[in-house]
């Protein structure tokens, strides 16, 4: 009977108090809830960061494509110098960007036409009949829209001195040819 009485006393006695925070059920429930919340927030932040990263990568790719598309691709180059053979050096540097179909002319010499005259650029094709590519303004840098077909297979360019506004019609240069040079295909395509 002693054993029964001891067992009955144990059952009737309140549970022994645990010592410290690790023995409290409320603490562990709170810790579990906090860990679950932290995991959910961490996953949400990770997805947001990844989406922002993907968006930034797409933006950078678009910017790079735009930059590449806007870069000049010089396909042809010409240095036009004195057509009469007087050693004055280069006067005009000509480049052709096939992608944007633009001729760029840069005055590098000191020649300046009179106010009542214009410089006119001519393509000198193999058949010998010059074709006008445009009238140059007085600016040191000029761009002319030109189709690739107008430049390809043209061995040389020339610039003539013409009345203000250039030669009317397709008759060819009427004034003296001041500058000329070979048009060569660039190696940096």
Protein backbone atom coordinates (compact mmCIF):
# COMPACT_ATOMS: atom_id res chain seq x y z
CA UNK A 1 0.00 0.00 0.00
CA UNK A 2 2.79 2.34 0.45
CA UNK A 3 3.49 2.32 -3.19
CA UNK A 4 -0.09 3.09 -4.00
CA UNK A 5 -0.15 5.94 -1.58
CA UNK A 6 3.10 7.38 -3.06
CA UNK A 7 1.69 7.04 -6.58
CA UNK A 8 -1.56 8.76 -5.50
CA UNK A 9 0.44 11.62 -3.94
CA UNK A 10 2.41 12.08 -7.14
CA UNK A 11 -0.73 12.20 -9.23
CA UNK A 12 -2.40 14.66 -6.90
CA UNK A 13 0.66 16.92 -6.65
CA UNK A 14 0.95 19.84 -9.10
CA UNK A 15 3.48 19.32 -11.88
CA UNK A 16 7.00 20.28 -11.03
CA UNK A 17 7.91 23.74 -12.23
CA UNK A 18 10.51 23.77 -15.00
CA UNK A 19 13.30 26.16 -14.62
CA UNK A 20 14.35 28.68 -17.33
CA UNK A 21 12.81 29.93 -20.57
CA UNK A 22 13.54 26.72 -22.48
CA UNK A 23 10.99 24.86 -20.47
CA UNK A 24 8.08 27.18 -21.27
CA UNK A 25 5.65 26.13 -23.98
CA UNK A 26 4.65 29.73 -24.76
CA UNK A 27 8.24 30.64 -25.60
CA UNK A 28 8.54 27.79 -28.11
CA UNK A 29 5.22 28.62 -29.74
CA UNK A 30 6.30 32.26 -30.14
CA UNK A 31 9.71 31.25 -31.49
CA UNK A 32 8.07 28.92 -34.02
CA UNK A 33 5.71 31.70 -35.17
CA UNK A 34 8.58 34.18 -35.49
CA UNK A 35 10.68 31.70 -37.48
CA UNK A 36 7.74 30.99 -39.80
CA UNK A 37 7.16 34.71 -40.33
CA UNK A 38 10.88 35.29 -40.99
CA UNK A 39 10.92 32.46 -43.57
CA UNK A 40 7.87 33.86 -45.37
CA UNK A 41 9.28 37.41 -45.38
CA UNK A 42 12.68 36.12 -46.51
CA UNK A 43 11.10 34.25 -49.41
CA UNK A 44 9.04 37.28 -50.37
CA UNK A 45 12.11 39.55 -50.29
CA UNK A 46 14.14 37.03 -52.30
CA UNK A 47 11.45 36.86 -55.00
CA UNK A 48 11.25 40.67 -55.08
CA UNK A 49 15.03 41.02 -55.35
CA UNK A 50 15.15 38.44 -58.13
CA UNK A 51 12.37 40.22 -60.04
CA UNK A 52 14.18 43.55 -59.63
CA UNK A 53 17.42 41.92 -60.78
CA UNK A 54 15.68 40.38 -63.80
CA UNK A 55 14.11 43.75 -64.65
CA UNK A 56 17.50 45.51 -64.33
CA UNK A 57 19.16 42.88 -66.55
CA UNK A 58 16.44 43.35 -69.18
CA UNK A 59 16.89 47.14 -68.95
CA UNK A 60 20.67 46.84 -69.34
CA UNK A 61 20.25 44.51 -72.34
CA UNK A 62 17.92 47.03 -73.98
CA UNK A 63 20.35 49.89 -73.29
CA UNK A 64 23.24 47.87 -74.71
CA UNK A 65 21.28 46.99 -77.85
CA UNK A 66 20.39 50.66 -78.29
CA UNK A 67 24.03 51.70 -77.88
CA UNK A 68 25.25 49.08 -80.34
CA UNK A 69 22.59 50.10 -82.87
CA UNK A 70 23.51 53.76 -82.52
CA UNK A 71 27.24 53.21 -82.94
CA UNK A 72 28.70 54.22 -86.25
CA UNK A 73 29.92 51.43 -88.43
CA UNK A 74 32.33 53.07 -90.81
CA UNK A 75 32.32 51.09 -94.02
CA UNK A 76 34.11 53.51 -96.35
CA UNK A 77 36.71 56.24 -95.84
CA UNK A 78 38.18 58.91 -98.12
CA UNK A 79 40.70 61.67 -97.57
CA UNK A 80 40.10 64.46 -100.08
CA UNK A 81 43.06 66.65 -100.83
CA UNK A 82 44.06 69.19 -103.46
CA UNK A 83 42.98 67.90 -106.89
CA UNK A 84 45.58 70.06 -108.70
CA UNK A 85 48.44 68.31 -106.97
CA UNK A 86 49.62 71.29 -104.96
CA UNK A 87 50.90 69.78 -101.71
CA UNK A 88 48.51 71.47 -99.28
CA UNK A 89 47.61 68.30 -97.39
CA UNK A 90 44.21 66.82 -96.61
CA UNK A 91 41.22 69.15 -96.68
CA UNK A 92 38.21 66.94 -96.01
CA UNK A 93 37.82 63.56 -94.29
CA UNK A 94 34.83 61.55 -95.53
CA UNK A 95 33.38 58.49 -93.78
CA UNK A 96 30.32 56.44 -94.69
CA UNK A 97 28.21 54.70 -92.05
CA UNK A 98 26.32 52.01 -93.98
CA UNK A 99 24.07 51.08 -91.07
CA UNK A 100 22.70 54.62 -90.75
CA UNK A 101 23.26 55.47 -94.45
CA UNK A 102 25.16 58.67 -93.66
CA UNK A 103 28.15 60.32 -95.18
CA UNK A 104 30.05 62.42 -92.67
CA UNK A 105 32.35 65.12 -94.01
CA UNK A 106 34.79 66.85 -91.70
CA UNK A 107 36.80 69.83 -92.83
CA UNK A 108 40.36 69.32 -91.62
CA UNK A 109 42.09 71.91 -93.82
CA UNK A 110 41.70 75.65 -93.89
CA UNK A 111 39.79 76.08 -97.16
CA UNK A 112 36.78 78.40 -96.99
CA UNK A 113 34.66 79.14 -100.04
CA UNK A 114 33.42 82.65 -100.83
CA UNK A 115 29.95 83.62 -99.65
CA UNK A 116 28.53 83.41 -103.19
CA UNK A 117 29.91 79.88 -103.76
CA UNK A 118 29.17 76.35 -102.52
CA UNK A 119 31.18 73.16 -102.35
CA UNK A 120 29.47 70.15 -103.93
CA UNK A 121 30.38 66.50 -103.32
CA UNK A 122 30.49 64.12 -106.28
CA UNK A 123 30.70 60.35 -106.59
CA UNK A 124 33.03 59.37 -109.43
CA UNK A 125 31.74 55.94 -110.55
CA UNK A 126 33.67 53.69 -112.93
CA UNK A 127 31.42 54.68 -115.86
CA UNK A 128 32.83 58.21 -115.61
CA UNK A 129 29.60 60.24 -115.15
CA UNK A 130 29.81 62.10 -111.81
CA UNK A 131 26.76 61.90 -109.51
CA UNK A 132 26.05 64.59 -106.95
CA UNK A 133 25.95 63.40 -103.35
CA UNK A 134 25.06 66.80 -101.94
CA UNK A 135 26.03 70.39 -101.36
CA UNK A 136 28.23 71.12 -98.37
CA UNK A 137 27.36 73.76 -95.83
CA UNK A 138 29.95 75.95 -94.17
CA UNK A 139 30.00 73.97 -90.91
CA UNK A 140 33.21 72.10 -90.09
CA UNK A 141 31.22 68.85 -89.69
CA UNK A 142 28.43 67.84 -92.04
CA UNK A 143 26.29 64.74 -92.45
CA UNK A 144 24.49 63.80 -95.63
CA UNK A 145 21.86 61.07 -95.91
CA UNK A 146 23.06 58.78 -98.68
CA UNK A 147 21.91 55.35 -99.80
CA UNK A 148 24.53 52.62 -99.63
CA UNK A 149 24.11 51.99 -103.37
CA UNK A 150 25.27 55.56 -104.08
CA UNK A 151 28.57 54.90 -102.31
CA UNK A 152 29.34 51.23 -102.90
CA UNK A 153 31.37 50.48 -106.03
CA UNK A 154 32.44 54.14 -106.28
CA UNK A 155 36.23 54.29 -106.51
CA UNK A 156 36.62 58.02 -105.84
CA UNK A 157 34.99 61.21 -104.59
CA UNK A 158 35.52 64.81 -105.64
CA UNK A 159 34.44 68.26 -104.48
CA UNK A 160 33.88 71.09 -106.91
CA UNK A 161 33.40 74.81 -106.39
CA UNK A 162 29.94 75.77 -107.65
CA UNK A 163 27.53 78.71 -107.60
CA UNK A 164 25.68 79.16 -104.29
CA UNK A 165 23.34 76.19 -103.79
CA UNK A 166 25.23 73.86 -106.13
CA UNK A 167 24.74 72.72 -109.71
CA UNK A 168 21.12 72.61 -110.81
CA UNK A 169 20.19 69.29 -112.41
CA UNK A 170 22.34 66.24 -113.06
CA UNK A 171 24.82 67.69 -115.53
CA UNK A 172 27.92 67.23 -113.42
CA UNK A 173 30.35 69.79 -111.99
CA UNK A 174 30.42 73.20 -113.67
CA UNK A 175 33.19 74.73 -111.60
CA UNK A 176 36.73 73.60 -110.87
CA UNK A 177 37.32 70.37 -108.96
CA UNK A 178 39.16 71.45 -105.81
CA UNK A 179 39.54 68.21 -103.85
CA UNK A 180 39.49 64.52 -104.72
CA UNK A 181 40.48 61.19 -103.26
CA UNK A 182 39.97 57.46 -103.40
CA UNK A 183 37.09 55.93 -101.50
CA UNK A 184 38.35 52.83 -99.75
CA UNK A 185 36.52 50.14 -97.81
CA UNK A 186 37.34 50.29 -94.11
CA UNK A 187 38.83 47.27 -92.37
CA UNK A 188 36.95 48.07 -89.12
CA UNK A 189 33.50 46.76 -89.98
